[in-house]
Every structure is written in C-alpha cells, then in structure tokens.
Amino acid sequence: MTNEKIVLKGRKIVKGNAKGEAIVASEAISFNGGVDNLTGIVTEPGHQLEGKNIAGKILVFTTGKGSTGGSYKIYDMAERGTAPLAFIQVSPESVTTIGAIIGNIPVVAGCDQDPTVVISTGDYIEVDADLGEVIVTKGKQSSVSDEQTEVTR
C-alpha cells in the first residue's frame, strides 16, 4: 500500500471543503430516477455504480444527466444525510450544480487531469473547492475512518 499524494487543480463550482473516501464513475449519473434519495444507493440499471452507496463519499464522476428534478433529489439527499460529501466532476452542468448549491455540497470541476482516471474508488480525498484543489492520497482504501470524513461549508 502506498500513500502517494496527487494534487489536482480545477475550479470552484460550489464553495466548501470536504474529506473522505472516493467513489468513482466514468459515466454520467442521473439523480432523478438513477439514485435512491432515501438511501444514496445508485439504482440505474446497468450503471457501473448500480447497487453502490454514494452517501457520505466524495463522488467523482464525468457529469450529471437527466431532468431538473435531479437538483431537488440532490437537495433532498443532503437534507436526509444520504448525499455525497462533495462532487468532483469532469464537466459541470446545471442539474448537479443547482442541487449542490441548494444542498451545500462542495464541487470542483475542470481539473488539470481527468479525475475519473487519476482517482480510484477508495482513495482518500481532500476537497478545497474554494481553492479549486483536490488532494488525492492513493492506497488509503483500508485506512479511511469515520474521523477522517468531514465537510466544512
């Protein structure tokens, strides 16, 4: 196990800071019908994260998809405590951005390296959206603990 650190530079989409375990998808996600807002489990049939829980994780994904109802679903998840701690996106779009704004979820996008390639599920992530910075600690999958998971908004 290594503890190699990689720093990605991107741009702030929604302010805030978060730390926690990454969950990565190299495909778009629909929060309206593709994620159970009561549990945080991805339900979209055939999606690479189908059956996985994104609650309390740093969600790394390409972009959002689907209708504007997804914004409200993200907000509802934030209110229920089933939302991701932060989003790291390749390309932001209005549905997930609005949901993150009203749900107070930090978002960084447009990183200098593709985060869906550089980051692996289980890596430990520190997001400073205000600086547009993502610090990735590789190989910490088995040592991420509850006290290392936090959000500052």
N, C-alpha and C. Protein backbone atom coordinates (compact mmCIF):
# COMPACT_ATOMS: atom_id res chain seq x y z
N MET A 1 0.84 -1.18 0.00
CA MET A 1 0.00 0.00 0.00
C MET A 1 0.89 1.24 0.00
N THR A 2 0.58 2.16 -0.90
CA THR A 2 1.33 3.41 -0.96
C THR A 2 0.50 4.53 -0.36
N ASN A 3 1.15 5.62 -0.08
CA ASN A 3 0.45 6.82 0.37
C ASN A 3 0.82 7.98 -0.55
N GLU A 4 0.99 7.68 -1.84
CA GLU A 4 1.31 8.69 -2.83
C GLU A 4 0.22 9.75 -2.85
N LYS A 5 0.64 11.02 -2.91
CA LYS A 5 -0.32 12.12 -2.99
C LYS A 5 -0.26 12.76 -4.36
N ILE A 6 -1.43 13.05 -4.90
CA ILE A 6 -1.56 13.73 -6.18
C ILE A 6 -2.43 14.95 -5.94
N VAL A 7 -2.03 16.09 -6.49
CA VAL A 7 -2.82 17.31 -6.34
C VAL A 7 -3.39 17.68 -7.70
N LEU A 8 -4.72 17.78 -7.75
CA LEU A 8 -5.41 18.20 -8.96
C LEU A 8 -5.85 19.64 -8.78
N LYS A 9 -5.68 20.44 -9.81
CA LYS A 9 -6.13 21.83 -9.80
C LYS A 9 -7.31 21.95 -10.75
N GLY A 10 -8.38 22.51 -10.23
CA GLY A 10 -9.58 22.71 -11.03
C GLY A 10 -10.16 24.08 -10.73
N ARG A 11 -11.49 24.17 -10.84
CA ARG A 11 -12.13 25.44 -10.50
C ARG A 11 -13.31 25.20 -9.58
N LYS A 12 -13.53 26.16 -8.71
CA LYS A 12 -14.64 26.08 -7.77
C LYS A 12 -15.94 26.24 -8.54
N ILE A 13 -16.85 25.32 -8.30
CA ILE A 13 -18.21 25.43 -8.82
C ILE A 13 -19.14 25.79 -7.65
N VAL A 14 -18.98 25.09 -6.52
CA VAL A 14 -19.72 25.38 -5.30
C VAL A 14 -18.72 25.37 -4.15
N LYS A 15 -18.77 26.41 -3.31
CA LYS A 15 -17.79 26.58 -2.23
C LYS A 15 -17.88 25.48 -1.18
N GLY A 16 -16.80 25.35 -0.44
CA GLY A 16 -16.77 24.44 0.70
C GLY A 16 -15.59 23.49 0.65
N ASN A 17 -15.48 22.70 1.70
CA ASN A 17 -14.40 21.74 1.86
C ASN A 17 -14.98 20.41 2.33
N ALA A 18 -14.35 19.33 1.95
CA ALA A 18 -14.78 18.01 2.41
C ALA A 18 -13.60 17.06 2.36
N LYS A 19 -13.65 16.05 3.20
CA LYS A 19 -12.63 14.99 3.22
C LYS A 19 -13.35 13.67 3.35
N GLY A 20 -12.84 12.68 2.63
CA GLY A 20 -13.44 11.36 2.76
C GLY A 20 -13.00 10.41 1.66
N GLU A 21 -13.69 9.29 1.60
CA GLU A 21 -13.38 8.23 0.65
C GLU A 21 -14.04 8.50 -0.70
N ALA A 22 -13.28 8.27 -1.76
CA ALA A 22 -13.80 8.46 -3.12
C ALA A 22 -14.62 7.28 -3.58
N ILE A 23 -15.64 7.60 -4.40
CA ILE A 23 -16.33 6.59 -5.19
C ILE A 23 -16.38 7.16 -6.61
N VAL A 24 -15.92 6.40 -7.59
CA VAL A 24 -15.65 6.93 -8.92
C VAL A 24 -16.53 6.26 -9.99
N ALA A 25 -17.07 7.11 -10.87
CA ALA A 25 -17.82 6.64 -12.03
C ALA A 25 -17.32 7.35 -13.27
N SER A 26 -17.00 6.59 -14.29
CA SER A 26 -16.53 7.19 -15.55
C SER A 26 -17.68 7.44 -16.51
N GLU A 27 -18.90 7.39 -15.99
CA GLU A 27 -20.07 7.69 -16.81
C GLU A 27 -20.97 8.67 -16.06
N ALA A 28 -21.87 9.30 -16.78
CA ALA A 28 -22.78 10.29 -16.21
C ALA A 28 -23.75 9.63 -15.23
N ILE A 29 -24.24 10.45 -14.29
CA ILE A 29 -25.18 9.97 -13.27
C ILE A 29 -26.46 10.80 -13.32
N SER A 30 -27.60 10.12 -13.23
CA SER A 30 -28.89 10.79 -13.10
C SER A 30 -29.35 10.66 -11.65
N PHE A 31 -29.56 11.79 -11.00
CA PHE A 31 -30.06 11.75 -9.63
C PHE A 31 -31.58 11.63 -9.59
N ASN A 32 -32.24 11.88 -10.71
CA ASN A 32 -33.69 11.75 -10.77
C ASN A 32 -34.04 10.41 -11.40
N GLY A 33 -34.19 9.41 -10.58
CA GLY A 33 -34.51 8.07 -11.06
C GLY A 33 -33.33 7.13 -11.10
N GLY A 34 -32.11 7.63 -10.98
CA GLY A 34 -30.94 6.78 -11.03
C GLY A 34 -30.26 6.58 -9.69
N VAL A 35 -30.71 7.35 -8.67
CA VAL A 35 -30.17 7.23 -7.32
C VAL A 35 -31.35 7.26 -6.35
N ASP A 36 -31.36 6.36 -5.39
CA ASP A 36 -32.40 6.35 -4.36
C ASP A 36 -32.05 7.42 -3.33
N ASN A 37 -32.84 8.48 -3.29
CA ASN A 37 -32.55 9.59 -2.39
C ASN A 37 -32.74 9.23 -0.91
N LEU A 38 -33.45 8.16 -0.63
CA LEU A 38 -33.65 7.74 0.77
C LEU A 38 -32.43 7.02 1.32
N THR A 39 -31.64 6.40 0.44
CA THR A 39 -30.50 5.60 0.90
C THR A 39 -29.16 6.05 0.34
N GLY A 40 -29.16 6.71 -0.83
CA GLY A 40 -27.91 7.05 -1.50
C GLY A 40 -27.39 5.94 -2.41
N ILE A 41 -28.18 4.92 -2.61
CA ILE A 41 -27.76 3.79 -3.46
C ILE A 41 -28.11 4.08 -4.92
N VAL A 42 -27.14 3.85 -5.80
CA VAL A 42 -27.35 4.04 -7.24
C VAL A 42 -28.24 2.89 -7.72
N THR A 43 -29.35 3.26 -8.38
CA THR A 43 -30.34 2.26 -8.81
C THR A 43 -30.47 2.15 -10.32
N GLU A 44 -29.77 3.00 -11.07
CA GLU A 44 -29.90 2.98 -12.52
C GLU A 44 -29.41 1.65 -13.08
N PRO A 45 -30.30 0.89 -13.75
CA PRO A 45 -29.90 -0.40 -14.30
C PRO A 45 -28.73 -0.28 -15.27
N GLY A 46 -27.72 -1.10 -15.07
CA GLY A 46 -26.57 -1.12 -15.96
C GLY A 46 -25.50 -0.08 -15.67
N HIS A 47 -25.77 0.85 -14.76
CA HIS A 47 -24.75 1.85 -14.42
C HIS A 47 -23.62 1.16 -13.67
N GLN A 48 -22.41 1.60 -13.89
CA GLN A 48 -21.26 0.95 -13.25
C GLN A 48 -21.31 1.03 -11.73
N LEU A 49 -22.06 1.98 -11.18
CA LEU A 49 -22.20 2.07 -9.71
C LEU A 49 -23.52 1.47 -9.21
N GLU A 50 -24.26 0.79 -10.08
CA GLU A 50 -25.53 0.21 -9.66
C GLU A 50 -25.33 -0.65 -8.41
N GLY A 51 -26.15 -0.38 -7.38
CA GLY A 51 -26.06 -1.11 -6.13
C GLY A 51 -25.07 -0.55 -5.13
N LYS A 52 -24.29 0.43 -5.53
CA LYS A 52 -23.29 1.05 -4.64
C LYS A 52 -23.90 2.25 -3.93
N ASN A 53 -23.44 2.50 -2.71
CA ASN A 53 -23.93 3.63 -1.93
C ASN A 53 -22.95 4.80 -2.06
N ILE A 54 -23.47 5.96 -2.47
CA ILE A 54 -22.64 7.16 -2.64
C ILE A 54 -22.77 8.10 -1.45
N ALA A 55 -23.62 7.76 -0.48
CA ALA A 55 -23.81 8.61 0.70
C ALA A 55 -22.52 8.71 1.50
N GLY A 56 -22.18 9.94 1.90
CA GLY A 56 -21.01 10.14 2.75
C GLY A 56 -19.68 9.91 2.07
N LYS A 57 -19.68 9.86 0.74
CA LYS A 57 -18.44 9.66 -0.03
C LYS A 57 -18.16 10.91 -0.86
N ILE A 58 -16.97 11.01 -1.39
CA ILE A 58 -16.64 12.03 -2.37
C ILE A 58 -16.94 11.42 -3.73
N LEU A 59 -17.96 11.95 -4.41
CA LEU A 59 -18.39 11.38 -5.69
C LEU A 59 -17.59 12.00 -6.83
N VAL A 60 -16.85 11.16 -7.53
CA VAL A 60 -16.04 11.57 -8.66
C VAL A 60 -16.72 11.01 -9.90
N PHE A 61 -17.15 11.91 -10.83
CA PHE A 61 -17.89 11.45 -12.00
C PHE A 61 -17.74 12.42 -13.15
N THR A 62 -18.13 11.96 -14.32
CA THR A 62 -17.96 12.79 -15.52
C THR A 62 -18.88 13.99 -15.48
N THR A 63 -20.18 13.74 -15.36
CA THR A 63 -21.18 14.81 -15.38
C THR A 63 -22.52 14.24 -14.95
N GLY A 64 -23.48 15.12 -14.75
CA GLY A 64 -24.83 14.68 -14.45
C GLY A 64 -25.62 14.52 -15.72
N LYS A 65 -26.77 13.89 -15.60
CA LYS A 65 -27.68 13.76 -16.74
C LYS A 65 -29.10 13.69 -16.21
N GLY A 66 -30.04 13.89 -17.09
CA GLY A 66 -31.43 13.77 -16.70
C GLY A 66 -32.10 15.11 -16.48
N SER A 67 -33.30 15.04 -15.94
CA SER A 67 -34.15 16.22 -15.82
C SER A 67 -33.81 17.05 -14.58
N THR A 68 -34.41 18.22 -14.54
CA THR A 68 -34.15 19.16 -13.45
C THR A 68 -34.64 18.66 -12.11
N GLY A 69 -35.48 17.65 -12.09
CA GLY A 69 -35.89 17.05 -10.82
C GLY A 69 -34.70 16.51 -10.05
N GLY A 70 -33.61 16.23 -10.74
CA GLY A 70 -32.39 15.75 -10.10
C GLY A 70 -31.83 16.74 -9.10
N SER A 71 -31.99 18.04 -9.39
CA SER A 71 -31.50 19.07 -8.46
C SER A 71 -32.19 18.93 -7.11
N TYR A 72 -33.51 18.78 -7.14
CA TYR A 72 -34.25 18.63 -5.89
C TYR A 72 -33.88 17.33 -5.19
N LYS A 73 -33.64 16.26 -5.96
CA LYS A 73 -33.25 14.97 -5.35
C LYS A 73 -31.93 15.13 -4.60
N ILE A 74 -30.98 15.86 -5.19
CA ILE A 74 -29.69 16.10 -4.52
C ILE A 74 -29.92 16.87 -3.22
N TYR A 75 -30.75 17.91 -3.28
CA TYR A 75 -31.07 18.69 -2.09
C TYR A 75 -31.72 17.79 -1.04
N ASP A 76 -32.67 16.97 -1.44
CA ASP A 76 -33.34 16.07 -0.52
C ASP A 76 -32.34 15.11 0.13
N MET A 77 -31.41 14.60 -0.66
CA MET A 77 -30.37 13.71 -0.13
C MET A 77 -29.53 14.44 0.91
N ALA A 78 -29.17 15.70 0.62
CA ALA A 78 -28.37 16.48 1.57
C ALA A 78 -29.14 16.65 2.89
N GLU A 79 -30.42 16.93 2.79
CA GLU A 79 -31.25 17.10 4.00
C GLU A 79 -31.38 15.80 4.79
N ARG A 80 -31.41 14.68 4.10
CA ARG A 80 -31.57 13.37 4.75
C ARG A 80 -30.24 12.78 5.23
N GLY A 81 -29.12 13.36 4.79
CA GLY A 81 -27.82 12.80 5.13
C GLY A 81 -27.42 11.63 4.26
N THR A 82 -28.03 11.54 3.06
CA THR A 82 -27.70 10.44 2.15
C THR A 82 -26.93 10.92 0.91
N ALA A 83 -26.54 12.19 0.90
CA ALA A 83 -25.84 12.77 -0.25
C ALA A 83 -24.34 12.51 -0.16
N PRO A 84 -23.66 12.60 -1.28
CA PRO A 84 -22.20 12.61 -1.24
C PRO A 84 -21.71 13.84 -0.47
N LEU A 85 -20.50 13.76 0.07
CA LEU A 85 -19.90 14.88 0.80
C LEU A 85 -19.47 15.99 -0.15
N ALA A 86 -19.06 15.62 -1.36
CA ALA A 86 -18.60 16.58 -2.36
C ALA A 86 -18.69 15.91 -3.73
N PHE A 87 -18.70 16.76 -4.77
CA PHE A 87 -18.63 16.28 -6.15
C PHE A 87 -17.32 16.74 -6.75
N ILE A 88 -16.66 15.85 -7.47
CA ILE A 88 -15.55 16.20 -8.34
C ILE A 88 -15.99 15.76 -9.72
N GLN A 89 -16.17 16.73 -10.62
CA GLN A 89 -16.72 16.43 -11.94
C GLN A 89 -15.74 16.78 -13.05
N VAL A 90 -15.82 16.03 -14.12
CA VAL A 90 -15.08 16.39 -15.32
C VAL A 90 -15.71 17.64 -15.92
N SER A 91 -17.03 17.60 -16.14
CA SER A 91 -17.77 18.72 -16.74
C SER A 91 -19.03 19.01 -15.92
N PRO A 92 -19.09 20.18 -15.30
CA PRO A 92 -20.30 20.50 -14.54
C PRO A 92 -21.45 20.83 -15.48
N GLU A 93 -22.67 20.67 -14.99
CA GLU A 93 -23.87 21.04 -15.74
C GLU A 93 -24.89 21.54 -14.73
N SER A 94 -25.97 22.08 -15.22
CA SER A 94 -26.90 22.81 -14.36
C SER A 94 -27.61 21.96 -13.32
N VAL A 95 -27.99 20.73 -13.63
CA VAL A 95 -28.77 19.92 -12.69
C VAL A 95 -27.96 19.64 -11.42
N THR A 96 -26.76 19.10 -11.57
CA THR A 96 -25.97 18.79 -10.38
C THR A 96 -25.45 20.05 -9.70
N THR A 97 -25.17 21.09 -10.48
CA THR A 97 -24.69 22.34 -9.87
C THR A 97 -25.77 22.97 -9.00
N ILE A 98 -26.99 23.07 -9.50
CA ILE A 98 -28.08 23.64 -8.70
C ILE A 98 -28.34 22.78 -7.46
N GLY A 99 -28.36 21.48 -7.64
CA GLY A 99 -28.55 20.58 -6.49
C GLY A 99 -27.47 20.76 -5.45
N ALA A 100 -26.23 20.91 -5.88
CA ALA A 100 -25.12 21.11 -4.96
C ALA A 100 -25.21 22.46 -4.26
N ILE A 101 -25.63 23.50 -4.99
CA ILE A 101 -25.77 24.82 -4.38
C ILE A 101 -26.82 24.78 -3.27
N ILE A 102 -28.01 24.27 -3.58
CA ILE A 102 -29.07 24.28 -2.57
C ILE A 102 -28.84 23.24 -1.48
N GLY A 103 -28.05 22.21 -1.78
CA GLY A 103 -27.72 21.19 -0.79
C GLY A 103 -26.43 21.45 -0.04
N ASN A 104 -25.75 22.56 -0.38
CA ASN A 104 -24.49 22.92 0.29
C ASN A 104 -23.42 21.85 0.12
N ILE A 105 -23.26 21.34 -1.08
CA ILE A 105 -22.29 20.29 -1.38
C ILE A 105 -21.14 20.93 -2.18
N PRO A 106 -19.91 20.89 -1.66
CA PRO A 106 -18.78 21.46 -2.40
C PRO A 106 -18.57 20.75 -3.74
N VAL A 107 -18.22 21.54 -4.78
CA VAL A 107 -17.99 20.98 -6.11
C VAL A 107 -16.75 21.60 -6.73
N VAL A 108 -15.89 20.74 -7.26
CA VAL A 108 -14.74 21.15 -8.08
C VAL A 108 -14.88 20.46 -9.43
N ALA A 109 -14.60 21.19 -10.49
CA ALA A 109 -14.68 20.62 -11.84
C ALA A 109 -13.56 21.18 -12.70
N GLY A 110 -13.43 20.62 -13.89
CA GLY A 110 -12.45 21.11 -14.85
C GLY A 110 -11.02 20.96 -14.38
N CYS A 111 -10.72 19.86 -13.73
CA CYS A 111 -9.36 19.64 -13.20
C CYS A 111 -8.33 19.50 -14.32
N ASP A 112 -7.07 19.76 -13.96
CA ASP A 112 -5.98 19.68 -14.93
C ASP A 112 -5.66 18.26 -15.36
N GLN A 113 -6.21 17.26 -14.67
CA GLN A 113 -6.12 15.86 -15.06
C GLN A 113 -7.53 15.28 -14.90
N ASP A 114 -7.86 14.28 -15.68
CA ASP A 114 -9.18 13.66 -15.59
C ASP A 114 -9.31 12.94 -14.24
N PRO A 115 -10.18 13.45 -13.35
CA PRO A 115 -10.28 12.83 -12.03
C PRO A 115 -10.82 11.41 -12.06
N THR A 116 -11.58 11.05 -13.11
CA THR A 116 -12.11 9.69 -13.18
C THR A 116 -11.03 8.68 -13.57
N VAL A 117 -9.88 9.18 -14.02
CA VAL A 117 -8.75 8.33 -14.35
C VAL A 117 -7.73 8.32 -13.21
N VAL A 118 -7.47 9.49 -12.65
CA VAL A 118 -6.44 9.65 -11.61
C VAL A 118 -6.90 9.09 -10.27
N ILE A 119 -8.19 9.25 -9.96
CA ILE A 119 -8.73 8.83 -8.66
C ILE A 119 -9.37 7.46 -8.79
N SER A 120 -9.15 6.62 -7.80
CA SER A 120 -9.77 5.29 -7.74
C SER A 120 -10.74 5.22 -6.57
N THR A 121 -11.78 4.42 -6.72
CA THR A 121 -12.69 4.20 -5.61
C THR A 121 -11.88 3.73 -4.41
N GLY A 122 -12.12 4.37 -3.27
CA GLY A 122 -11.41 4.02 -2.04
C GLY A 122 -10.27 4.94 -1.70
N ASP A 123 -9.78 5.73 -2.66
CA ASP A 123 -8.72 6.70 -2.35
C ASP A 123 -9.26 7.72 -1.36
N TYR A 124 -8.39 8.29 -0.55
CA TYR A 124 -8.77 9.32 0.40
C TYR A 124 -8.63 10.67 -0.29
N ILE A 125 -9.70 11.48 -0.22
CA ILE A 125 -9.76 12.74 -0.96
C ILE A 125 -9.95 13.91 -0.01
N GLU A 126 -9.22 14.99 -0.26
CA GLU A 126 -9.43 16.25 0.43
C GLU A 126 -9.81 17.27 -0.64
N VAL A 127 -11.00 17.83 -0.52
CA VAL A 127 -11.51 18.79 -1.49
C VAL A 127 -11.51 20.17 -0.85
N ASP A 128 -10.83 21.11 -1.47
CA ASP A 128 -10.93 22.53 -1.09
C ASP A 128 -11.49 23.25 -2.30
N ALA A 129 -12.81 23.30 -2.37
CA ALA A 129 -13.46 23.89 -3.54
C ALA A 129 -13.13 25.37 -3.66
N ASP A 130 -12.95 26.05 -2.54
CA ASP A 130 -12.64 27.48 -2.59
C ASP A 130 -11.34 27.74 -3.35
N LEU A 131 -10.38 26.84 -3.21
CA LEU A 131 -9.12 26.96 -3.94
C LEU A 131 -9.13 26.18 -5.26
N GLY A 132 -10.18 25.41 -5.49
CA GLY A 132 -10.23 24.57 -6.68
C GLY A 132 -9.22 23.44 -6.63
N GLU A 133 -8.96 22.94 -5.42
CA GLU A 133 -7.90 21.95 -5.22
C GLU A 133 -8.45 20.63 -4.70
N VAL A 134 -7.91 19.55 -5.24
CA VAL A 134 -8.26 18.21 -4.82
C VAL A 134 -6.97 17.47 -4.51
N ILE A 135 -6.83 17.01 -3.27
CA ILE A 135 -5.65 16.24 -2.88
C ILE A 135 -6.08 14.78 -2.76
N VAL A 136 -5.41 13.93 -3.50
CA VAL A 136 -5.73 12.51 -3.57
C VAL A 136 -4.61 11.74 -2.88
N THR A 137 -4.96 10.94 -1.89
CA THR A 137 -3.99 10.06 -1.27
C THR A 137 -4.31 8.65 -1.74
N LYS A 138 -3.42 8.12 -2.57
CA LYS A 138 -3.61 6.79 -3.14
C LYS A 138 -3.32 5.72 -2.09
N GLY A 139 -4.03 4.61 -2.22
CA GLY A 139 -3.72 3.46 -1.39
C GLY A 139 -4.18 3.54 0.04
N LYS A 140 -5.12 4.42 0.35
CA LYS A 140 -5.61 4.52 1.73
C LYS A 140 -6.96 3.83 1.87
N GLN A 141 -7.33 2.99 0.93
CA GLN A 141 -8.66 2.37 0.93
C GLN A 141 -9.00 1.73 2.27
N SER A 142 -8.10 0.98 2.86
CA SER A 142 -8.44 0.26 4.07
C SER A 142 -8.26 1.07 5.33
N SER A 143 -7.73 2.28 5.24
CA SER A 143 -7.48 3.04 6.46
C SER A 143 -8.32 4.31 6.57
N VAL A 144 -9.28 4.49 5.69
CA VAL A 144 -10.17 5.63 5.82
C VAL A 144 -11.14 5.34 6.95
N SER A 145 -11.17 6.24 7.94
CA SER A 145 -12.05 6.03 9.09
C SER A 145 -13.05 7.16 9.23
N ASP A 146 -14.01 6.97 10.11
CA ASP A 146 -15.06 7.97 10.30
C ASP A 146 -14.50 9.33 10.67
N GLU A 147 -13.45 9.37 11.50
CA GLU A 147 -12.93 10.67 11.89
C GLU A 147 -12.21 11.38 10.75
N GLN A 148 -11.93 10.68 9.66
CA GLN A 148 -11.30 11.31 8.51
C GLN A 148 -12.34 11.82 7.51
N THR A 149 -13.61 11.64 7.81
CA THR A 149 -14.68 12.06 6.91
C THR A 149 -15.35 13.29 7.49
N GLU A 150 -15.24 14.41 6.78
CA GLU A 150 -15.86 15.64 7.29
C GLU A 150 -16.15 16.60 6.15
N VAL A 151 -17.05 17.51 6.44
CA VAL A 151 -17.42 18.54 5.48
C VAL A 151 -17.43 19.88 6.18
N THR A 152 -16.89 20.90 5.53
CA THR A 152 -16.94 22.26 6.02
C THR A 152 -17.54 23.11 4.93
N ARG A 153 -18.60 23.84 5.26
CA ARG A 153 -19.25 24.66 4.24
C ARG A 153 -19.27 26.11 4.67
